[in-house]
């Protein structure tokens, strides 16, 4: 399994921006994706953004163009640039690596838990 280490999250006011990063222990294989999920208090973990080895990206409906996922191949680092943050974005954010089909299906409600590797999570807090 791949090891994933996330950067520290942070606290911002509504309308602010944050960038998360996640470094993987190895490169992304064809057919595998990396992604960001989040779990808000009292809610299940949901997909935020997913990217494959060809830089094809998919986003959760709630992103609404505010977030951008990217991947730096030479350092095996995944990024999530988050702009126009709102209090509803407050959550623990997790980096994951796993099979693309199952990960992308999670955007439609498929339970992706158990299919990939996960980072330890990093807290993002957005105040009004």
C-alpha atoms as a PDB file:
ATOM      1  CA  UNK A   1       0.000   0.000   0.000  1.00  0.00           C
ATOM      2  CA  UNK A   2       1.047   3.567  -0.610  1.00  0.00           C
ATOM      3  CA  UNK A   3       1.743   5.815   2.371  1.00  0.00           C
ATOM      4  CA  UNK A   4       0.187   9.259   2.287  1.00  0.00           C
ATOM      5  CA  UNK A   5       1.231  12.245   4.384  1.00  0.00           C
ATOM      6  CA  UNK A   6      -0.878  15.390   4.398  1.00  0.00           C
ATOM      7  CA  UNK A   7       0.188  18.914   5.218  1.00  0.00           C
ATOM      8  CA  UNK A   8      -1.400  20.820   8.053  1.00  0.00           C
ATOM      9  CA  UNK A   9      -4.804  22.321   7.320  1.00  0.00           C
ATOM     10  CA  UNK A  10      -5.807  25.604   8.825  1.00  0.00           C
ATOM     11  CA  UNK A  11      -8.424  28.063   9.904  1.00  0.00           C
ATOM     12  CA  UNK A  12      -9.712  30.851   7.692  1.00  0.00           C
ATOM     13  CA  UNK A  13     -12.619  33.227   7.531  1.00  0.00           C
ATOM     14  CA  UNK A  14     -15.426  32.794   5.044  1.00  0.00           C
ATOM     15  CA  UNK A  15     -14.250  33.793   1.578  1.00  0.00           C
ATOM     16  CA  UNK A  16     -10.659  32.869   2.318  1.00  0.00           C
ATOM     17  CA  UNK A  17      -8.358  30.373   0.631  1.00  0.00           C
ATOM     18  CA  UNK A  18      -6.296  27.375   1.670  1.00  0.00           C
ATOM     19  CA  UNK A  19      -4.085  24.890  -0.131  1.00  0.00           C
ATOM     20  CA  UNK A  20      -3.722  21.340   1.111  1.00  0.00           C
ATOM     21  CA  UNK A  21      -0.953  19.013   0.001  1.00  0.00           C
ATOM     22  CA  UNK A  22      -0.358  15.292   0.287  1.00  0.00           C
ATOM     23  CA  UNK A  23       2.848  13.441  -0.502  1.00  0.00           C
ATOM     24  CA  UNK A  24       2.660   9.825  -1.629  1.00  0.00           C
ATOM     25  CA  UNK A  25       5.373   7.221  -1.103  1.00  0.00           C
ATOM     26  CA  UNK A  26       5.267   6.213  -4.770  1.00  0.00           C
ATOM     27  CA  UNK A  27       4.016   7.365  -8.142  1.00  0.00           C
ATOM     28  CA  UNK A  28       0.427   6.993  -9.327  1.00  0.00           C
ATOM     29  CA  UNK A  29      -0.127   3.851 -11.382  1.00  0.00           C
ATOM     30  CA  UNK A  30      -2.287   3.791 -14.492  1.00  0.00           C
ATOM     31  CA  UNK A  31      -5.842   2.993 -13.486  1.00  0.00           C
ATOM     32  CA  UNK A  32      -5.278   4.494 -10.070  1.00  0.00           C
ATOM     33  CA  UNK A  33      -6.379   7.887  -8.856  1.00  0.00           C
ATOM     34  CA  UNK A  34      -5.601  10.197  -6.013  1.00  0.00           C
ATOM     35  CA  UNK A  35      -8.224  12.264  -4.345  1.00  0.00           C
ATOM     36  CA  UNK A  36      -9.444  14.354  -1.455  1.00  0.00           C
ATOM     37  CA  UNK A  37     -12.359  13.344   0.720  1.00  0.00           C
ATOM     38  CA  UNK A  38     -13.794  15.127   3.706  1.00  0.00           C
ATOM     39  CA  UNK A  39     -15.819  14.305   6.794  1.00  0.00           C
ATOM     40  CA  UNK A  40     -17.816  17.025   8.481  1.00  0.00           C
ATOM     41  CA  UNK A  41     -18.880  16.562  12.108  1.00  0.00           C
ATOM     42  CA  UNK A  42     -21.687  14.017  12.312  1.00  0.00           C
ATOM     43  CA  UNK A  43     -21.559  13.179   8.613  1.00  0.00           C
ATOM     44  CA  UNK A  44     -20.027  10.446   6.503  1.00  0.00           C
ATOM     45  CA  UNK A  45     -16.840  10.876   4.499  1.00  0.00           C
ATOM     46  CA  UNK A  46     -17.508  12.157   0.968  1.00  0.00           C
ATOM     47  CA  UNK A  47     -15.420  12.752  -2.144  1.00  0.00           C
ATOM     48  CA  UNK A  48     -14.290  16.304  -2.796  1.00  0.00           C
ATOM     49  CA  UNK A  49     -11.984  15.984  -5.813  1.00  0.00           C
ATOM     50  CA  UNK A  50     -10.318  13.178  -7.742  1.00  0.00           C
ATOM     51  CA  UNK A  51      -7.503  13.148 -10.305  1.00  0.00           C
ATOM     52  CA  UNK A  52      -5.969  10.400 -12.404  1.00  0.00           C
ATOM     53  CA  UNK A  53      -2.506   9.874 -13.885  1.00  0.00           C
ATOM     54  CA  UNK A  54      -3.570  11.832 -16.994  1.00  0.00           C
ATOM     55  CA  UNK A  55      -4.711  14.850 -14.935  1.00  0.00           C
ATOM     56  CA  UNK A  56      -8.397  14.203 -15.583  1.00  0.00           C
ATOM     57  CA  UNK A  57     -10.214  15.692 -12.598  1.00  0.00           C
ATOM     58  CA  UNK A  58     -13.667  15.146 -11.115  1.00  0.00           C
ATOM     59  CA  UNK A  59     -15.323  17.150  -8.348  1.00  0.00           C
ATOM     60  CA  UNK A  60     -18.151  16.821  -5.902  1.00  0.00           C
ATOM     61  CA  UNK A  61     -21.250  18.837  -6.827  1.00  0.00           C
ATOM     62  CA  UNK A  62     -20.798  21.118  -3.840  1.00  0.00           C
ATOM     63  CA  UNK A  63     -17.392  22.334  -5.071  1.00  0.00           C
ATOM     64  CA  UNK A  64     -19.044  24.625  -7.648  1.00  0.00           C
ATOM     65  CA  UNK A  65     -15.759  25.653  -9.264  1.00  0.00           C
ATOM     66  CA  UNK A  66     -14.182  26.814  -6.009  1.00  0.00           C
ATOM     67  CA  UNK A  67     -11.561  24.060  -5.661  1.00  0.00           C
ATOM     68  CA  UNK A  68      -8.807  22.816  -7.957  1.00  0.00           C
ATOM     69  CA  UNK A  69      -7.061  19.486  -7.609  1.00  0.00           C
ATOM     70  CA  UNK A  70      -3.626  18.964  -9.118  1.00  0.00           C
ATOM     71  CA  UNK A  71      -0.806  16.476  -9.012  1.00  0.00           C
ATOM     72  CA  UNK A  72       2.939  16.999  -9.279  1.00  0.00           C
ATOM     73  CA  UNK A  73       4.396  13.862 -10.821  1.00  0.00           C
ATOM     74  CA  UNK A  74       8.081  14.377 -10.024  1.00  0.00           C
ATOM     75  CA  UNK A  75       7.408  14.709  -6.290  1.00  0.00           C
ATOM     76  CA  UNK A  76       4.310  12.457  -6.055  1.00  0.00           C
ATOM     77  CA  UNK A  77       2.472  15.342  -4.402  1.00  0.00           C
ATOM     78  CA  UNK A  78      -1.255  15.982  -4.569  1.00  0.00           C
ATOM     79  CA  UNK A  79      -2.700  19.451  -4.018  1.00  0.00           C
ATOM     80  CA  UNK A  80      -6.116  20.895  -3.341  1.00  0.00           C
ATOM     81  CA  UNK A  81      -6.422  24.637  -3.869  1.00  0.00           C
ATOM     82  CA  UNK A  82      -9.566  25.842  -2.118  1.00  0.00           C
ATOM     83  CA  UNK A  83     -10.961  29.311  -2.788  1.00  0.00           C
ATOM     84  CA  UNK A  84     -14.093  31.113  -1.584  1.00  0.00           C
ATOM     85  CA  UNK A  85     -14.326  28.858   1.445  1.00  0.00           C
ATOM     86  CA  UNK A  86     -17.583  28.824   3.390  1.00  0.00           C
ATOM     87  CA  UNK A  87     -18.362  27.521   6.890  1.00  0.00           C
ATOM     88  CA  UNK A  88     -19.936  24.416   5.357  1.00  0.00           C
ATOM     89  CA  UNK A  89     -16.448  23.453   4.133  1.00  0.00           C
ATOM     90  CA  UNK A  90     -15.357  22.904   7.730  1.00  0.00           C
ATOM     91  CA  UNK A  91     -14.301  19.269   7.947  1.00  0.00           C
ATOM     92  CA  UNK A  92     -11.454  16.828   8.322  1.00  0.00           C
ATOM     93  CA  UNK A  93      -9.897  16.434   4.882  1.00  0.00           C
ATOM     94  CA  UNK A  94      -8.298  13.146   3.838  1.00  0.00           C
ATOM     95  CA  UNK A  95      -5.967  12.296   0.992  1.00  0.00           C
ATOM     96  CA  UNK A  96      -6.506   8.927  -0.653  1.00  0.00           C
ATOM     97  CA  UNK A  97      -5.013   6.781  -3.412  1.00  0.00           C
ATOM     98  CA  UNK A  98      -6.839   3.879  -4.992  1.00  0.00           C
ATOM     99  CA  UNK A  99      -8.601   2.450  -8.047  1.00  0.00           C
ATOM    100  CA  UNK A 100     -10.155   5.145 -10.214  1.00  0.00           C
ATOM    101  CA  UNK A 101     -13.406   3.329 -10.977  1.00  0.00           C
ATOM    102  CA  UNK A 102     -14.390   2.906  -7.352  1.00  0.00           C
ATOM    103  CA  UNK A 103     -13.122   6.330  -6.333  1.00  0.00           C
ATOM    104  CA  UNK A 104     -15.073   8.112  -9.067  1.00  0.00           C
ATOM    105  CA  UNK A 105     -18.167   6.047  -8.259  1.00  0.00           C
ATOM    106  CA  UNK A 106     -18.083   7.527  -4.789  1.00  0.00           C
ATOM    107  CA  UNK A 107     -19.173  10.826  -6.354  1.00  0.00           C
ATOM    108  CA  UNK A 108     -22.452   9.046  -7.098  1.00  0.00           C
ATOM    109  CA  UNK A 109     -22.800   7.572  -3.652  1.00  0.00           C
ATOM    110  CA  UNK A 110     -20.740   4.375  -3.940  1.00  0.00           C
ATOM    111  CA  UNK A 111     -19.060   3.446  -0.671  1.00  0.00           C
ATOM    112  CA  UNK A 112     -15.364   3.732  -1.488  1.00  0.00           C
ATOM    113  CA  UNK A 113     -14.234   2.968   2.079  1.00  0.00           C
ATOM    114  CA  UNK A 114     -11.837   0.012   2.123  1.00  0.00           C
ATOM    115  CA  UNK A 115     -10.673   0.330  -1.482  1.00  0.00           C
ATOM    116  CA  UNK A 116      -7.640   2.571  -1.102  1.00  0.00           C
ATOM    117  CA  UNK A 117      -4.970   3.977   1.148  1.00  0.00           C
ATOM    118  CA  UNK A 118      -5.662   7.007   3.352  1.00  0.00           C
ATOM    119  CA  UNK A 119      -3.701   9.788   4.949  1.00  0.00           C
ATOM    120  CA  UNK A 120      -4.156  10.690   8.585  1.00  0.00           C
ATOM    121  CA  UNK A 121      -6.454  13.629   7.836  1.00  0.00           C
ATOM    122  CA  UNK A 122      -6.038  17.343   8.289  1.00  0.00           C
ATOM    123  CA  UNK A 123      -8.520  19.803   9.793  1.00  0.00           C
ATOM    124  CA  UNK A 124      -9.936  22.732   7.833  1.00  0.00           C
ATOM    125  CA  UNK A 125     -12.057  25.232   9.751  1.00  0.00           C
ATOM    126  CA  UNK A 126     -13.933  28.117   8.153  1.00  0.00           C
ATOM    127  CA  UNK A 127     -15.493  30.760  10.364  1.00  0.00           C
ATOM    128  CA  UNK A 128     -18.373  33.036   9.279  1.00  0.00           C
END
